[in-house]
């Protein structure tokens, strides 16, 4: 059985493609690429069809991550085919849970930084779009820190299904 994860930010050009790229790499390193599908989307469609922000691409490449990207808008109909919808901040969490057709679908929506035990009380990944490269670097650090915990949760789920 395939486990499907979708990362969601505002426009799908900064945070969510970064999280998608990092988590896809973690999944591949864990030998789970044949069992876990990773993608991303935005709550809005302003950037549909656009590549990731050049600063996102630059930071990802500088840290050894790759992958092309084309922005798209999250659709409520996708919930049926997804196991986990990962919001990058509390605003996205609220929007996504509001779009969820059922309570079960709303329960699939989680904040990324909830998977980082060192995150503290602020579980939002700040939007780096209007700032400089330091914001993109900080975003990557937060995404990487949470990705290990997310991978552990996905692995546990997969192992529970197989048992």
N, C-alpha and C. Protein backbone atom coordinates (compact mmCIF):
# COMPACT_ATOMS: atom_id res chain seq x y z
N UNK A 1 0.84 -1.19 0.00
CA UNK A 1 0.00 0.00 0.00
C UNK A 1 0.89 1.26 0.00
N UNK A 2 0.49 2.24 -0.77
CA UNK A 2 1.23 3.49 -0.87
C UNK A 2 0.70 4.50 0.14
N UNK A 3 1.61 5.18 0.82
CA UNK A 3 1.28 6.21 1.79
C UNK A 3 1.54 7.56 1.13
N UNK A 4 0.55 8.45 1.16
CA UNK A 4 0.66 9.72 0.44
C UNK A 4 0.67 10.91 1.40
N UNK A 5 1.70 11.77 1.22
CA UNK A 5 1.89 12.96 2.06
C UNK A 5 1.93 14.18 1.15
N UNK A 6 1.18 15.22 1.51
CA UNK A 6 1.19 16.48 0.75
C UNK A 6 1.50 17.62 1.71
N UNK A 7 2.54 18.39 1.39
CA UNK A 7 2.92 19.57 2.17
C UNK A 7 2.21 20.78 1.58
N UNK A 8 1.68 21.66 2.45
CA UNK A 8 0.92 22.80 1.96
C UNK A 8 1.36 24.10 2.65
N UNK A 9 1.67 25.11 1.81
CA UNK A 9 1.92 26.47 2.30
C UNK A 9 0.98 27.41 1.56
N UNK A 10 1.33 28.66 1.43
CA UNK A 10 0.43 29.64 0.83
C UNK A 10 0.38 29.54 -0.69
N UNK A 11 1.52 29.75 -1.35
CA UNK A 11 1.52 29.79 -2.80
C UNK A 11 2.22 28.63 -3.47
N UNK A 12 2.80 27.72 -2.67
CA UNK A 12 3.50 26.54 -3.17
C UNK A 12 4.74 26.90 -3.98
N UNK A 13 5.46 27.94 -3.54
CA UNK A 13 6.72 28.27 -4.21
C UNK A 13 7.90 28.38 -3.24
N UNK A 14 7.65 28.41 -1.93
CA UNK A 14 8.75 28.55 -0.97
C UNK A 14 8.79 27.38 0.02
N UNK A 15 7.94 27.45 1.02
CA UNK A 15 8.01 26.48 2.12
C UNK A 15 7.60 25.06 1.74
N UNK A 16 6.47 24.90 1.09
CA UNK A 16 6.02 23.53 0.80
C UNK A 16 6.88 22.82 -0.22
N UNK A 17 7.38 23.48 -1.28
CA UNK A 17 8.29 22.74 -2.16
C UNK A 17 9.61 22.39 -1.46
N UNK A 18 10.02 23.24 -0.52
CA UNK A 18 11.23 22.94 0.25
C UNK A 18 10.99 21.70 1.11
N UNK A 19 9.85 21.67 1.79
CA UNK A 19 9.52 20.51 2.63
C UNK A 19 9.36 19.25 1.78
N UNK A 20 8.75 19.39 0.62
CA UNK A 20 8.58 18.25 -0.28
C UNK A 20 9.94 17.68 -0.68
N UNK A 21 10.86 18.53 -1.07
CA UNK A 21 12.19 18.10 -1.51
C UNK A 21 12.96 17.42 -0.39
N UNK A 22 12.95 18.03 0.79
CA UNK A 22 13.67 17.47 1.93
C UNK A 22 13.07 16.14 2.34
N UNK A 23 11.74 16.08 2.44
CA UNK A 23 11.11 14.84 2.90
C UNK A 23 11.25 13.73 1.86
N UNK A 24 11.18 14.07 0.59
CA UNK A 24 11.38 13.07 -0.45
C UNK A 24 12.79 12.46 -0.32
N UNK A 25 13.78 13.30 -0.03
CA UNK A 25 15.14 12.80 0.17
C UNK A 25 15.22 11.88 1.39
N UNK A 26 14.54 12.26 2.48
CA UNK A 26 14.54 11.42 3.69
C UNK A 26 13.89 10.07 3.41
N UNK A 27 12.80 10.10 2.67
CA UNK A 27 12.08 8.87 2.32
C UNK A 27 12.98 7.96 1.47
N UNK A 28 13.67 8.55 0.51
CA UNK A 28 14.57 7.76 -0.34
C UNK A 28 15.72 7.18 0.47
N UNK A 29 16.31 7.99 1.36
CA UNK A 29 17.41 7.52 2.20
C UNK A 29 16.97 6.36 3.09
N UNK A 30 15.71 6.36 3.49
CA UNK A 30 15.16 5.31 4.35
C UNK A 30 14.75 4.07 3.57
N UNK A 31 14.87 4.13 2.25
CA UNK A 31 14.49 3.00 1.42
C UNK A 31 12.98 2.83 1.28
N UNK A 32 12.25 3.92 1.44
CA UNK A 32 10.79 3.86 1.38
C UNK A 32 10.19 4.52 0.15
N UNK A 33 11.02 4.88 -0.81
CA UNK A 33 10.53 5.61 -1.98
C UNK A 33 9.46 4.84 -2.76
N UNK A 34 9.48 3.53 -2.67
CA UNK A 34 8.47 2.73 -3.37
C UNK A 34 7.16 2.64 -2.60
N UNK A 35 7.15 3.14 -1.35
CA UNK A 35 5.95 3.04 -0.51
C UNK A 35 5.36 4.38 -0.10
N UNK A 36 6.13 5.46 -0.28
CA UNK A 36 5.67 6.79 0.16
C UNK A 36 5.75 7.76 -1.01
N UNK A 37 4.63 8.41 -1.30
CA UNK A 37 4.55 9.43 -2.34
C UNK A 37 4.49 10.79 -1.66
N UNK A 38 5.35 11.71 -2.09
CA UNK A 38 5.46 13.03 -1.48
C UNK A 38 5.19 14.10 -2.53
N UNK A 39 4.32 15.06 -2.20
CA UNK A 39 4.11 16.19 -3.10
C UNK A 39 3.77 17.42 -2.28
N UNK A 40 3.38 18.50 -2.96
CA UNK A 40 3.07 19.74 -2.26
C UNK A 40 2.07 20.56 -3.05
N UNK A 41 1.50 21.56 -2.37
CA UNK A 41 0.52 22.45 -2.98
C UNK A 41 0.43 23.71 -2.13
N UNK A 42 -0.36 24.67 -2.62
CA UNK A 42 -0.59 25.92 -1.89
C UNK A 42 -2.07 26.08 -1.58
N UNK A 43 -2.37 26.88 -0.57
CA UNK A 43 -3.77 27.14 -0.26
C UNK A 43 -4.39 28.06 -1.31
N UNK A 44 -3.54 28.82 -2.01
CA UNK A 44 -4.01 29.72 -3.06
C UNK A 44 -3.40 29.34 -4.40
N UNK A 45 -4.00 29.83 -5.46
CA UNK A 45 -3.56 29.47 -6.80
C UNK A 45 -2.79 30.55 -7.53
N UNK A 46 -2.29 31.56 -6.82
CA UNK A 46 -1.63 32.70 -7.46
C UNK A 46 -0.44 32.30 -8.31
N UNK A 47 0.26 31.26 -7.91
CA UNK A 47 1.50 30.87 -8.59
C UNK A 47 1.36 29.57 -9.39
N UNK A 48 0.16 29.12 -9.61
CA UNK A 48 -0.03 27.84 -10.31
C UNK A 48 0.80 27.78 -11.59
N UNK A 49 1.52 26.67 -11.72
CA UNK A 49 2.37 26.46 -12.89
C UNK A 49 3.77 27.04 -12.78
N UNK A 50 4.00 27.89 -11.78
CA UNK A 50 5.31 28.51 -11.62
C UNK A 50 6.29 27.55 -10.96
N UNK A 51 7.58 27.73 -11.23
CA UNK A 51 8.59 26.93 -10.51
C UNK A 51 8.72 27.46 -9.08
N UNK A 52 9.49 26.75 -8.27
CA UNK A 52 9.77 27.22 -6.91
C UNK A 52 10.53 28.55 -6.98
N UNK A 53 10.38 29.36 -5.95
CA UNK A 53 11.11 30.62 -5.84
C UNK A 53 12.60 30.33 -6.03
N UNK A 54 13.31 31.17 -6.79
CA UNK A 54 14.74 30.93 -7.02
C UNK A 54 15.56 30.83 -5.73
N UNK A 55 15.13 31.52 -4.68
CA UNK A 55 15.85 31.44 -3.40
C UNK A 55 15.64 30.06 -2.76
N UNK A 56 14.45 29.50 -2.92
CA UNK A 56 14.19 28.14 -2.42
C UNK A 56 15.10 27.16 -3.16
N UNK A 57 15.14 27.28 -4.48
CA UNK A 57 15.98 26.40 -5.30
C UNK A 57 17.43 26.53 -4.90
N UNK A 58 17.90 27.75 -4.71
CA UNK A 58 19.30 28.01 -4.35
C UNK A 58 19.67 27.35 -3.01
N UNK A 59 18.81 27.53 -2.01
CA UNK A 59 19.08 26.95 -0.69
C UNK A 59 19.03 25.43 -0.77
N UNK A 60 18.06 24.88 -1.47
CA UNK A 60 17.98 23.43 -1.60
C UNK A 60 19.22 22.87 -2.28
N UNK A 61 19.61 23.47 -3.39
CA UNK A 61 20.78 22.99 -4.12
C UNK A 61 22.05 23.10 -3.28
N UNK A 62 22.19 24.19 -2.54
CA UNK A 62 23.37 24.39 -1.70
C UNK A 62 23.50 23.33 -0.62
N UNK A 63 22.37 22.71 -0.26
CA UNK A 63 22.36 21.68 0.78
C UNK A 63 22.17 20.28 0.21
N UNK A 64 22.33 20.15 -1.10
CA UNK A 64 22.31 18.82 -1.71
C UNK A 64 20.95 18.26 -2.08
N UNK A 65 19.93 19.10 -2.06
CA UNK A 65 18.59 18.64 -2.44
C UNK A 65 18.31 19.05 -3.87
N UNK A 66 17.48 18.28 -4.53
CA UNK A 66 17.14 18.62 -5.91
C UNK A 66 15.65 18.52 -6.15
N UNK A 67 15.31 18.46 -7.42
CA UNK A 67 13.91 18.25 -7.79
C UNK A 67 13.29 19.45 -8.44
N UNK A 68 12.65 19.23 -9.57
CA UNK A 68 11.89 20.28 -10.23
C UNK A 68 10.57 20.50 -9.51
N UNK A 69 9.90 21.57 -9.86
CA UNK A 69 8.65 21.89 -9.17
C UNK A 69 7.76 22.74 -10.05
N UNK A 70 6.47 22.50 -9.95
CA UNK A 70 5.46 23.32 -10.60
C UNK A 70 4.34 23.55 -9.59
N UNK A 71 4.13 24.81 -9.22
CA UNK A 71 3.16 25.15 -8.17
C UNK A 71 1.74 24.78 -8.57
N UNK A 72 0.97 24.39 -7.56
CA UNK A 72 -0.45 24.09 -7.78
C UNK A 72 -1.23 24.40 -6.52
N UNK A 73 -2.54 24.50 -6.67
CA UNK A 73 -3.41 24.82 -5.54
C UNK A 73 -4.04 23.55 -4.99
N UNK A 74 -4.06 23.43 -3.67
CA UNK A 74 -4.66 22.28 -3.01
C UNK A 74 -6.16 22.26 -3.28
N UNK A 75 -6.68 21.08 -3.54
CA UNK A 75 -8.11 20.89 -3.79
C UNK A 75 -8.71 19.97 -2.73
N UNK A 76 -9.90 20.31 -2.24
CA UNK A 76 -10.56 19.51 -1.21
C UNK A 76 -10.74 18.06 -1.65
N UNK A 77 -10.92 17.84 -2.93
CA UNK A 77 -11.13 16.48 -3.44
C UNK A 77 -9.90 15.59 -3.24
N UNK A 78 -8.73 16.19 -3.01
CA UNK A 78 -7.51 15.42 -2.83
C UNK A 78 -7.48 14.66 -1.50
N UNK A 79 -8.27 15.12 -0.52
CA UNK A 79 -8.23 14.47 0.79
C UNK A 79 -8.45 12.96 0.69
N UNK A 80 -9.33 12.54 -0.18
CA UNK A 80 -9.65 11.12 -0.30
C UNK A 80 -8.43 10.28 -0.66
N UNK A 81 -7.49 10.84 -1.39
CA UNK A 81 -6.32 10.11 -1.82
C UNK A 81 -5.07 10.34 -0.99
N UNK A 82 -5.20 11.13 0.07
CA UNK A 82 -4.04 11.47 0.91
C UNK A 82 -4.15 10.83 2.29
N UNK A 83 -3.00 10.46 2.83
CA UNK A 83 -2.96 9.93 4.19
C UNK A 83 -2.61 11.01 5.21
N UNK A 84 -1.83 11.99 4.76
CA UNK A 84 -1.37 13.05 5.65
C UNK A 84 -1.23 14.34 4.86
N UNK A 85 -1.76 15.43 5.41
CA UNK A 85 -1.64 16.75 4.80
C UNK A 85 -0.88 17.60 5.82
N UNK A 86 0.31 18.04 5.43
CA UNK A 86 1.19 18.74 6.35
C UNK A 86 1.17 20.24 6.08
N UNK A 87 0.61 20.99 7.03
CA UNK A 87 0.53 22.44 6.94
C UNK A 87 1.83 23.05 7.46
N UNK A 88 2.27 24.14 6.81
CA UNK A 88 3.51 24.78 7.22
C UNK A 88 3.31 25.85 8.29
N UNK A 89 2.07 26.32 8.47
CA UNK A 89 1.81 27.22 9.59
C UNK A 89 0.35 27.08 10.02
N UNK A 90 0.01 27.72 11.12
CA UNK A 90 -1.33 27.58 11.70
C UNK A 90 -2.43 28.15 10.81
N UNK A 91 -2.10 29.14 10.00
CA UNK A 91 -3.08 29.66 9.04
C UNK A 91 -3.44 28.63 8.00
N UNK A 92 -2.44 27.92 7.50
CA UNK A 92 -2.69 26.84 6.53
C UNK A 92 -3.49 25.72 7.19
N UNK A 93 -3.15 25.41 8.43
CA UNK A 93 -3.85 24.37 9.17
C UNK A 93 -5.35 24.68 9.23
N UNK A 94 -5.66 25.92 9.55
CA UNK A 94 -7.07 26.33 9.66
C UNK A 94 -7.77 26.24 8.30
N UNK A 95 -7.13 26.76 7.25
CA UNK A 95 -7.72 26.72 5.92
C UNK A 95 -7.96 25.27 5.48
N UNK A 96 -6.96 24.43 5.66
CA UNK A 96 -7.07 23.04 5.22
C UNK A 96 -8.13 22.28 5.99
N UNK A 97 -8.19 22.48 7.29
CA UNK A 97 -9.23 21.79 8.06
C UNK A 97 -10.61 22.29 7.67
N UNK A 98 -10.69 23.57 7.26
CA UNK A 98 -11.96 24.11 6.78
C UNK A 98 -12.38 23.52 5.43
N UNK A 99 -11.41 23.14 4.63
CA UNK A 99 -11.69 22.52 3.32
C UNK A 99 -12.05 21.05 3.43
N UNK A 100 -11.66 20.42 4.52
CA UNK A 100 -11.83 18.97 4.67
C UNK A 100 -13.31 18.58 4.61
N UNK A 101 -13.64 17.64 3.73
CA UNK A 101 -15.04 17.22 3.58
C UNK A 101 -15.59 16.47 4.80
N UNK A 102 -14.70 15.80 5.57
CA UNK A 102 -15.16 15.03 6.72
C UNK A 102 -14.25 15.30 7.92
N UNK A 103 -14.72 14.89 9.09
CA UNK A 103 -13.89 15.02 10.29
C UNK A 103 -12.64 14.14 10.16
N UNK A 104 -12.76 13.00 9.52
CA UNK A 104 -11.61 12.13 9.30
C UNK A 104 -10.57 12.80 8.42
N UNK A 105 -11.04 13.53 7.40
CA UNK A 105 -10.11 14.26 6.54
C UNK A 105 -9.44 15.39 7.30
N UNK A 106 -10.19 16.09 8.13
CA UNK A 106 -9.61 17.18 8.93
C UNK A 106 -8.53 16.65 9.86
N UNK A 107 -8.71 15.43 10.34
CA UNK A 107 -7.73 14.82 11.25
C UNK A 107 -6.42 14.47 10.53
N UNK A 108 -6.44 14.43 9.22
CA UNK A 108 -5.23 14.15 8.43
C UNK A 108 -4.30 15.36 8.38
N UNK A 109 -4.80 16.54 8.74
CA UNK A 109 -4.02 17.77 8.63
C UNK A 109 -3.23 17.99 9.92
N UNK A 110 -1.91 18.14 9.77
CA UNK A 110 -1.02 18.34 10.90
C UNK A 110 -0.02 19.44 10.58
N UNK A 111 0.52 20.06 11.61
CA UNK A 111 1.58 21.04 11.42
C UNK A 111 2.94 20.34 11.33
N UNK A 112 3.76 20.74 10.40
CA UNK A 112 5.06 20.11 10.20
C UNK A 112 5.90 20.13 11.47
N UNK A 113 5.99 21.29 12.10
CA UNK A 113 6.89 21.42 13.26
C UNK A 113 6.39 20.66 14.49
N UNK A 114 5.18 20.11 14.43
CA UNK A 114 4.71 19.25 15.52
C UNK A 114 5.54 17.97 15.58
N UNK A 115 6.27 17.67 14.50
CA UNK A 115 7.12 16.49 14.44
C UNK A 115 8.55 16.79 14.90
N UNK A 116 8.81 18.01 15.34
CA UNK A 116 10.13 18.40 15.84
C UNK A 116 10.03 18.57 17.35
N UNK A 117 10.60 17.64 18.13
CA UNK A 117 10.48 17.73 19.59
C UNK A 117 11.18 18.95 20.18
N UNK A 118 12.03 19.62 19.42
CA UNK A 118 12.72 20.80 19.94
C UNK A 118 12.05 22.11 19.51
N UNK A 119 10.90 22.03 18.85
CA UNK A 119 10.26 23.22 18.28
C UNK A 119 9.68 24.17 19.33
N UNK A 120 9.35 23.68 20.49
CA UNK A 120 8.74 24.55 21.49
C UNK A 120 7.28 24.80 21.18
N UNK A 121 6.79 25.98 21.57
CA UNK A 121 5.37 26.31 21.41
C UNK A 121 5.02 26.89 20.05
N UNK A 122 5.98 27.49 19.37
CA UNK A 122 5.70 28.11 18.07
C UNK A 122 5.94 27.08 16.98
N UNK A 123 4.86 26.55 16.44
CA UNK A 123 4.97 25.48 15.45
C UNK A 123 4.86 25.97 14.01
N UNK A 124 4.86 27.27 13.82
CA UNK A 124 4.80 27.82 12.46
C UNK A 124 6.19 27.88 11.83
N UNK A 125 6.25 27.57 10.54
CA UNK A 125 7.45 27.82 9.74
C UNK A 125 7.20 29.18 9.09
N UNK A 126 7.91 30.22 9.48
CA UNK A 126 7.65 31.56 8.94
C UNK A 126 7.87 31.63 7.42
N UNK A 127 7.04 32.43 6.77
CA UNK A 127 7.15 32.60 5.32
C UNK A 127 8.37 33.45 5.00
N UNK A 128 9.33 32.90 4.25
CA UNK A 128 10.54 33.65 3.94
C UNK A 128 10.41 34.56 2.71
N UNK A 129 9.27 34.54 2.05
CA UNK A 129 9.10 35.18 0.75
C UNK A 129 9.53 36.64 0.71
N UNK A 130 9.15 37.42 1.72
CA UNK A 130 9.42 38.87 1.68
C UNK A 130 10.74 39.25 2.31
N UNK A 131 11.56 38.27 2.66
CA UNK A 131 12.85 38.57 3.29
C UNK A 131 14.01 38.14 2.41
N UNK A 132 15.15 38.03 3.04
CA UNK A 132 16.36 37.65 2.33
C UNK A 132 16.68 36.18 2.47
N UNK A 133 17.87 35.82 2.05
CA UNK A 133 18.31 34.42 2.05
C UNK A 133 18.34 33.81 3.45
N UNK A 134 18.58 34.62 4.47
CA UNK A 134 18.63 34.09 5.84
C UNK A 134 17.30 33.44 6.22
N UNK A 135 16.21 34.00 5.76
CA UNK A 135 14.89 33.43 6.04
C UNK A 135 14.70 32.07 5.37
N UNK A 136 15.25 31.91 4.17
CA UNK A 136 15.16 30.64 3.47
C UNK A 136 16.03 29.59 4.15
N UNK A 137 17.20 30.01 4.63
CA UNK A 137 18.08 29.10 5.37
C UNK A 137 17.41 28.65 6.67
N UNK A 138 16.77 29.60 7.37
CA UNK A 138 16.08 29.27 8.62
C UNK A 138 14.91 28.32 8.34
N UNK A 139 14.22 28.56 7.25
CA UNK A 139 13.12 27.69 6.85
C UNK A 139 13.63 26.28 6.62
N UNK A 140 14.73 26.14 5.92
CA UNK A 140 15.30 24.82 5.66
C UNK A 140 15.68 24.13 6.96
N UNK A 141 16.26 24.85 7.89
CA UNK A 141 16.63 24.26 9.17
C UNK A 141 15.41 23.70 9.89
N UNK A 142 14.32 24.46 9.89
CA UNK A 142 13.08 24.01 10.54
C UNK A 142 12.51 22.78 9.85
N UNK A 143 12.51 22.81 8.53
CA UNK A 143 11.99 21.69 7.75
C UNK A 143 12.82 20.43 8.00
N UNK A 144 14.13 20.56 7.98
CA UNK A 144 14.99 19.40 8.22
C UNK A 144 14.77 18.85 9.63
N UNK A 145 14.68 19.73 10.61
CA UNK A 145 14.50 19.29 12.00
C UNK A 145 13.21 18.51 12.18
N UNK A 146 12.16 18.90 11.50
CA UNK A 146 10.87 18.22 11.63
C UNK A 146 10.78 16.97 10.75
N UNK A 147 11.55 16.91 9.69
CA UNK A 147 11.43 15.80 8.73
C UNK A 147 11.81 14.46 9.34
N UNK A 148 12.75 14.44 10.25
CA UNK A 148 13.14 13.17 10.87
C UNK A 148 11.99 12.60 11.71
N UNK A 149 11.33 13.46 12.47
CA UNK A 149 10.19 13.02 13.27
C UNK A 149 9.01 12.60 12.39
N UNK A 150 8.80 13.33 11.32
CA UNK A 150 7.73 12.97 10.39
C UNK A 150 8.02 11.61 9.75
N UNK A 151 9.27 11.40 9.36
CA UNK A 151 9.65 10.12 8.77
C UNK A 151 9.41 8.98 9.76
N UNK A 152 9.76 9.19 11.01
CA UNK A 152 9.55 8.17 12.04
C UNK A 152 8.06 7.85 12.17
N UNK A 153 7.21 8.88 12.13
CA UNK A 153 5.76 8.67 12.23
C UNK A 153 5.22 7.91 11.02
N UNK A 154 5.69 8.26 9.82
CA UNK A 154 5.25 7.57 8.62
C UNK A 154 5.73 6.12 8.64
N UNK A 155 6.97 5.91 9.03
CA UNK A 155 7.51 4.54 9.11
C UNK A 155 6.69 3.71 10.10
N UNK A 156 6.38 4.27 11.26
CA UNK A 156 5.58 3.55 12.26
C UNK A 156 4.22 3.18 11.69
N UNK A 157 3.62 4.10 10.96
CA UNK A 157 2.33 3.82 10.33
C UNK A 157 2.45 2.68 9.33
N UNK A 158 3.47 2.73 8.49
CA UNK A 158 3.68 1.68 7.49
C UNK A 158 3.93 0.32 8.15
N UNK A 159 4.71 0.31 9.20
CA UNK A 159 5.00 -0.94 9.89
C UNK A 159 3.76 -1.47 10.59
N UNK A 160 2.93 -0.56 11.08
CA UNK A 160 1.67 -0.98 11.72
C UNK A 160 0.72 -1.60 10.73
N UNK A 161 0.71 -1.08 9.51
CA UNK A 161 -0.16 -1.63 8.46
C UNK A 161 0.33 -3.01 8.05
N UNK A 162 1.66 -3.17 8.02
CA UNK A 162 2.23 -4.43 7.53
C UNK A 162 2.08 -5.54 8.57
N UNK A 163 1.92 -5.17 9.83
CA UNK A 163 1.85 -6.17 10.90
C UNK A 163 0.50 -6.88 10.93
